[in-house]
Each structure stands twice: as structure tokens, then as C-alpha cells.
């Protein structure tokens, strides 16, 4: 299958959060999943192409539970460390709203 559209990696690994609305939304989504799961799961390494999200990694405290790419606590700590060290306004645009409602709107 070939997907057409702009390809973009949002977060995970070594990344710097961006101020774009799309990046801000997905970083807030990752934090939302972590908080909603009571710190058990986080979704990172999101990649978008056009209006579709691909290749997400679910990380837990147990390394490799969902994927061999899941680095467990290391991945969670790395993601949260990067996000939490940046200015709050990077994710506040979406963090203070209900994430599911925003997701229904799709990309602008």
C-alpha cells in the first residue's frame, strides 16, 4: 500500500517538541494516554502521512511487552523528560481540552 501525503515523525527517540498545532496535539495525546492509563502505557514514535497515523509504539514499564522496539521505562522516561522540560505552552493548546473531541475533527 502506498500512502500519499506529507510524511512527518512526531515524537519518540531523540526529538525536540515543535510549536505546530499537529505536533502539539500528538504530544498532548501521548501524555493523555499515559495519565489516563494511570502511568501504565504511553504511545510514542507517532508518524503521520497525509491524515493517517502509522507506526506507533506502545511502551509500558515492562520492556518489549507490545513490541521489540518498546524500550520500557527508558522510553517512557525519555519522552516525559523531553516534554516536561519544555515550556508548558507546547502542549497546553490541546492538553486542556478533551483529546477525543479534537481527534474527531481530524487535521485542519
N, C-alpha and C. Protein backbone atom coordinates (compact mmCIF):
# COMPACT_ATOMS: atom_id res chain seq x y z
N UNK A 1 0.85 -1.18 0.00
CA UNK A 1 0.00 0.00 0.00
C UNK A 1 0.89 1.24 0.00
N UNK A 2 0.53 2.19 -0.78
CA UNK A 2 1.26 3.45 -0.82
C UNK A 2 0.35 4.54 -0.29
N UNK A 3 0.84 5.27 0.67
CA UNK A 3 0.08 6.37 1.25
C UNK A 3 0.66 7.67 0.73
N UNK A 4 -0.18 8.54 0.22
CA UNK A 4 0.28 9.82 -0.29
C UNK A 4 0.08 10.90 0.75
N UNK A 5 0.99 11.85 0.76
CA UNK A 5 0.87 12.98 1.68
C UNK A 5 2.20 13.28 2.33
N UNK A 6 2.23 14.36 3.06
CA UNK A 6 3.44 14.75 3.75
C UNK A 6 3.75 13.75 4.86
N UNK A 7 5.00 13.28 4.92
CA UNK A 7 5.42 12.37 5.98
C UNK A 7 6.09 13.17 7.08
N UNK A 8 5.77 12.82 8.32
CA UNK A 8 6.33 13.57 9.44
C UNK A 8 6.42 12.68 10.66
N UNK A 9 7.56 12.69 11.35
CA UNK A 9 7.71 11.97 12.61
C UNK A 9 7.39 12.95 13.72
N UNK A 10 6.51 12.57 14.62
CA UNK A 10 6.06 13.50 15.65
C UNK A 10 6.90 13.41 16.92
N UNK A 11 7.03 12.25 17.50
CA UNK A 11 7.79 12.17 18.75
C UNK A 11 8.39 10.78 18.93
N UNK A 12 9.19 10.64 19.97
CA UNK A 12 9.85 9.38 20.26
C UNK A 12 11.31 9.46 19.89
N UNK A 13 12.13 8.66 20.58
CA UNK A 13 13.56 8.70 20.32
C UNK A 13 14.13 10.05 20.71
N UNK A 14 15.06 10.56 19.93
CA UNK A 14 15.62 11.88 20.20
C UNK A 14 14.84 12.90 19.40
N UNK A 15 14.04 13.66 20.05
CA UNK A 15 13.23 14.64 19.34
C UNK A 15 13.10 15.90 20.17
N UNK A 16 12.83 16.99 19.50
CA UNK A 16 12.53 18.25 20.17
C UNK A 16 11.10 18.59 19.83
N UNK A 17 10.27 18.85 20.84
CA UNK A 17 8.88 19.21 20.55
C UNK A 17 8.81 20.45 19.67
N UNK A 18 7.81 20.53 18.86
CA UNK A 18 7.63 21.69 17.97
C UNK A 18 6.38 22.45 18.37
N UNK A 19 6.30 23.66 17.89
CA UNK A 19 5.16 24.51 18.22
C UNK A 19 3.99 24.36 17.27
N UNK A 20 4.11 23.51 16.25
CA UNK A 20 2.99 23.37 15.32
C UNK A 20 1.80 22.74 16.03
N UNK A 21 0.62 23.04 15.52
CA UNK A 21 -0.60 22.53 16.14
C UNK A 21 -0.65 21.01 16.10
N UNK A 22 -0.20 20.41 14.99
CA UNK A 22 -0.23 18.96 14.86
C UNK A 22 0.69 18.30 15.87
N UNK A 23 1.93 18.78 15.95
CA UNK A 23 2.88 18.20 16.91
C UNK A 23 2.37 18.38 18.34
N UNK A 24 1.86 19.57 18.62
CA UNK A 24 1.35 19.86 19.95
C UNK A 24 0.22 18.91 20.33
N UNK A 25 -0.68 18.65 19.38
CA UNK A 25 -1.79 17.74 19.64
C UNK A 25 -1.29 16.33 19.96
N UNK A 26 -0.39 15.80 19.15
CA UNK A 26 0.07 14.43 19.36
C UNK A 26 0.91 14.28 20.62
N UNK A 27 1.68 15.29 20.97
CA UNK A 27 2.42 15.23 22.23
C UNK A 27 1.46 15.26 23.42
N UNK A 28 0.41 16.06 23.31
CA UNK A 28 -0.62 16.07 24.36
C UNK A 28 -1.33 14.73 24.42
N UNK A 29 -1.61 14.13 23.26
CA UNK A 29 -2.25 12.82 23.21
C UNK A 29 -1.40 11.77 23.92
N UNK A 30 -0.09 11.79 23.67
CA UNK A 30 0.80 10.83 24.34
C UNK A 30 0.75 10.99 25.85
N UNK A 31 0.78 12.25 26.31
CA UNK A 31 0.70 12.49 27.75
C UNK A 31 -0.67 12.08 28.30
N UNK A 32 -1.73 12.32 27.52
CA UNK A 32 -3.07 11.95 27.94
C UNK A 32 -3.19 10.45 28.13
N UNK A 33 -2.67 9.68 27.17
CA UNK A 33 -2.72 8.22 27.27
C UNK A 33 -1.99 7.76 28.54
N UNK A 34 -0.85 8.35 28.81
CA UNK A 34 -0.07 7.99 29.99
C UNK A 34 -0.85 8.29 31.27
N UNK A 35 -1.44 9.47 31.34
CA UNK A 35 -2.21 9.84 32.54
C UNK A 35 -3.48 8.99 32.66
N UNK A 36 -4.19 8.79 31.53
CA UNK A 36 -5.42 8.03 31.54
C UNK A 36 -5.19 6.57 31.93
N UNK A 37 -4.03 6.02 31.59
CA UNK A 37 -3.72 4.62 31.91
C UNK A 37 -3.10 4.49 33.30
N UNK A 38 -3.13 5.57 34.05
CA UNK A 38 -2.54 5.60 35.40
C UNK A 38 -1.06 5.23 35.36
N UNK A 39 -0.35 5.86 34.41
CA UNK A 39 1.10 5.71 34.23
C UNK A 39 1.53 4.30 33.83
N UNK A 40 0.65 3.56 33.17
CA UNK A 40 1.00 2.20 32.74
C UNK A 40 1.43 2.11 31.28
N UNK A 41 0.91 2.99 30.42
CA UNK A 41 1.19 2.93 28.98
C UNK A 41 1.47 4.32 28.44
N UNK A 42 2.29 4.38 27.42
CA UNK A 42 2.47 5.63 26.69
C UNK A 42 2.66 5.28 25.22
N UNK A 43 2.17 6.14 24.35
CA UNK A 43 2.30 5.91 22.91
C UNK A 43 3.28 6.93 22.37
N UNK A 44 4.35 6.44 21.73
CA UNK A 44 5.38 7.32 21.19
C UNK A 44 5.72 6.92 19.77
N UNK A 45 6.66 7.64 19.18
CA UNK A 45 7.14 7.38 17.82
C UNK A 45 6.01 7.47 16.80
N UNK A 46 5.08 8.38 17.03
CA UNK A 46 4.00 8.55 16.06
C UNK A 46 4.54 9.14 14.77
N UNK A 47 4.04 8.64 13.67
CA UNK A 47 4.42 9.15 12.36
C UNK A 47 3.14 9.37 11.57
N UNK A 48 3.07 10.50 10.90
CA UNK A 48 1.88 10.76 10.11
C UNK A 48 2.25 10.88 8.64
N UNK A 49 1.33 10.47 7.81
CA UNK A 49 1.46 10.64 6.37
C UNK A 49 0.08 11.05 5.89
N UNK A 50 -0.03 12.24 5.35
CA UNK A 50 -1.34 12.75 4.99
C UNK A 50 -2.17 12.93 6.25
N UNK A 51 -3.30 12.23 6.33
CA UNK A 51 -4.16 12.32 7.51
C UNK A 51 -4.21 11.02 8.30
N UNK A 52 -3.21 10.15 8.09
CA UNK A 52 -3.18 8.86 8.79
C UNK A 52 -1.97 8.77 9.70
N UNK A 53 -2.15 8.10 10.83
CA UNK A 53 -1.07 7.90 11.80
C UNK A 53 -0.57 6.47 11.68
N UNK A 54 0.75 6.31 11.63
CA UNK A 54 1.35 4.99 11.43
C UNK A 54 2.43 4.72 12.47
N UNK A 55 2.76 3.46 12.64
CA UNK A 55 3.97 3.01 13.35
C UNK A 55 4.12 3.53 14.77
N UNK A 56 3.04 3.56 15.50
CA UNK A 56 3.12 3.97 16.90
C UNK A 56 3.73 2.85 17.73
N UNK A 57 4.40 3.21 18.79
CA UNK A 57 4.94 2.22 19.72
C UNK A 57 4.24 2.43 21.06
N UNK A 58 3.67 1.36 21.59
CA UNK A 58 3.10 1.39 22.93
C UNK A 58 4.19 0.94 23.89
N UNK A 59 4.55 1.81 24.81
CA UNK A 59 5.57 1.46 25.80
C UNK A 59 4.92 1.29 27.16
N UNK A 60 5.43 0.33 27.91
CA UNK A 60 4.96 0.08 29.27
C UNK A 60 6.20 0.00 30.17
N UNK A 61 5.97 -0.25 31.43
CA UNK A 61 7.09 -0.42 32.35
C UNK A 61 7.80 -1.74 32.12
N UNK A 62 7.21 -2.61 31.30
CA UNK A 62 7.80 -3.91 31.02
C UNK A 62 8.35 -3.90 29.60
N UNK A 63 9.66 -3.81 29.45
CA UNK A 63 10.32 -3.68 28.15
C UNK A 63 9.88 -4.77 27.19
N UNK A 64 9.47 -4.36 25.99
CA UNK A 64 9.13 -5.31 24.93
C UNK A 64 7.79 -5.99 25.06
N UNK A 65 6.91 -5.53 25.93
CA UNK A 65 5.62 -6.19 26.13
C UNK A 65 4.78 -6.20 24.85
N UNK A 66 4.73 -5.07 24.15
CA UNK A 66 3.92 -4.99 22.93
C UNK A 66 4.75 -5.06 21.66
N UNK A 67 6.03 -4.73 21.74
CA UNK A 67 6.86 -4.67 20.55
C UNK A 67 8.32 -4.81 20.94
N UNK A 68 9.12 -5.38 20.07
CA UNK A 68 10.56 -5.47 20.35
C UNK A 68 11.20 -4.09 20.34
N UNK A 69 10.51 -3.10 19.78
CA UNK A 69 11.03 -1.73 19.77
C UNK A 69 10.72 -0.98 21.07
N UNK A 70 9.85 -1.52 21.89
CA UNK A 70 9.47 -0.90 23.16
C UNK A 70 10.65 -0.98 24.14
N UNK A 71 11.13 0.16 24.57
CA UNK A 71 12.26 0.21 25.48
C UNK A 71 11.84 0.37 26.95
N UNK A 72 10.55 0.19 27.23
CA UNK A 72 10.06 0.19 28.60
C UNK A 72 10.27 1.51 29.32
N UNK A 73 10.70 1.43 30.57
CA UNK A 73 10.87 2.62 31.41
C UNK A 73 11.80 3.64 30.76
N UNK A 74 12.79 3.17 30.02
CA UNK A 74 13.73 4.08 29.36
C UNK A 74 13.00 4.98 28.37
N UNK A 75 12.14 4.38 27.55
CA UNK A 75 11.37 5.14 26.56
C UNK A 75 10.41 6.11 27.24
N UNK A 76 9.72 5.63 28.26
CA UNK A 76 8.77 6.49 28.98
C UNK A 76 9.51 7.67 29.60
N UNK A 77 10.61 7.39 30.27
CA UNK A 77 11.38 8.44 30.93
C UNK A 77 11.93 9.45 29.94
N UNK A 78 12.40 8.96 28.81
CA UNK A 78 12.95 9.84 27.77
C UNK A 78 11.87 10.77 27.23
N UNK A 79 10.72 10.21 26.91
CA UNK A 79 9.62 11.02 26.38
C UNK A 79 9.18 12.06 27.40
N UNK A 80 8.88 11.62 28.60
CA UNK A 80 8.38 12.55 29.62
C UNK A 80 9.43 13.61 29.97
N UNK A 81 10.70 13.21 29.99
CA UNK A 81 11.77 14.16 30.28
C UNK A 81 11.82 15.27 29.25
N UNK A 82 11.70 14.90 27.99
CA UNK A 82 11.73 15.89 26.91
C UNK A 82 10.52 16.80 26.96
N UNK A 83 9.34 16.21 27.07
CA UNK A 83 8.11 17.01 27.09
C UNK A 83 8.04 17.91 28.31
N UNK A 84 8.36 17.38 29.48
CA UNK A 84 8.23 18.16 30.71
C UNK A 84 9.31 19.23 30.87
N UNK A 85 10.39 19.14 30.09
CA UNK A 85 11.43 20.15 30.20
C UNK A 85 11.16 21.35 29.28
N UNK A 86 10.17 21.23 28.43
CA UNK A 86 9.83 22.30 27.50
C UNK A 86 8.77 23.22 28.10
N UNK A 87 8.62 24.42 27.53
CA UNK A 87 7.58 25.34 28.03
C UNK A 87 6.19 24.71 27.98
N UNK A 88 5.39 24.97 28.97
CA UNK A 88 4.06 24.36 29.08
C UNK A 88 3.18 24.67 27.87
N UNK A 89 3.39 25.82 27.23
CA UNK A 89 2.51 26.18 26.12
C UNK A 89 2.66 25.26 24.91
N UNK A 90 3.67 24.38 24.91
CA UNK A 90 3.82 23.45 23.79
C UNK A 90 2.67 22.46 23.70
N UNK A 91 2.12 22.09 24.84
CA UNK A 91 1.02 21.12 24.79
C UNK A 91 -0.28 21.67 25.37
N UNK A 92 -0.22 22.82 26.02
CA UNK A 92 -1.43 23.36 26.64
C UNK A 92 -2.55 23.63 25.66
N UNK A 93 -2.20 23.90 24.40
CA UNK A 93 -3.21 24.15 23.39
C UNK A 93 -4.24 23.02 23.35
N UNK A 94 -3.78 21.80 23.54
CA UNK A 94 -4.68 20.65 23.46
C UNK A 94 -4.87 19.94 24.80
N UNK A 95 -3.89 20.04 25.68
CA UNK A 95 -3.96 19.31 26.95
C UNK A 95 -5.18 19.71 27.77
N UNK A 96 -5.60 20.96 27.68
CA UNK A 96 -6.72 21.45 28.48
C UNK A 96 -8.08 21.17 27.84
N UNK A 97 -8.10 20.47 26.71
CA UNK A 97 -9.35 20.09 26.06
C UNK A 97 -9.49 18.57 26.12
N UNK A 98 -10.66 18.07 25.77
CA UNK A 98 -10.87 16.63 25.73
C UNK A 98 -10.26 16.11 24.43
N UNK A 99 -9.23 15.28 24.55
CA UNK A 99 -8.46 14.83 23.39
C UNK A 99 -9.34 14.10 22.37
N UNK A 100 -10.27 13.28 22.83
CA UNK A 100 -11.10 12.54 21.88
C UNK A 100 -11.92 13.46 20.99
N UNK A 101 -12.41 14.56 21.53
CA UNK A 101 -13.20 15.50 20.74
C UNK A 101 -12.35 16.15 19.66
N UNK A 102 -11.12 16.48 19.98
CA UNK A 102 -10.22 17.07 19.00
C UNK A 102 -9.91 16.06 17.90
N UNK A 103 -9.73 14.81 18.27
CA UNK A 103 -9.38 13.76 17.30
C UNK A 103 -10.48 13.61 16.25
N UNK A 104 -11.73 13.81 16.64
CA UNK A 104 -12.84 13.69 15.70
C UNK A 104 -12.76 14.74 14.59
N UNK A 105 -12.13 15.86 14.88
CA UNK A 105 -12.04 16.94 13.88
C UNK A 105 -11.04 16.62 12.78
N UNK A 106 -10.08 15.74 13.05
CA UNK A 106 -9.05 15.45 12.07
C UNK A 106 -8.08 16.60 11.95
N UNK A 107 -7.24 16.57 10.95
CA UNK A 107 -6.29 17.64 10.72
C UNK A 107 -6.98 18.79 10.00
N UNK A 108 -6.51 19.98 10.28
CA UNK A 108 -7.09 21.16 9.61
C UNK A 108 -6.37 21.42 8.29
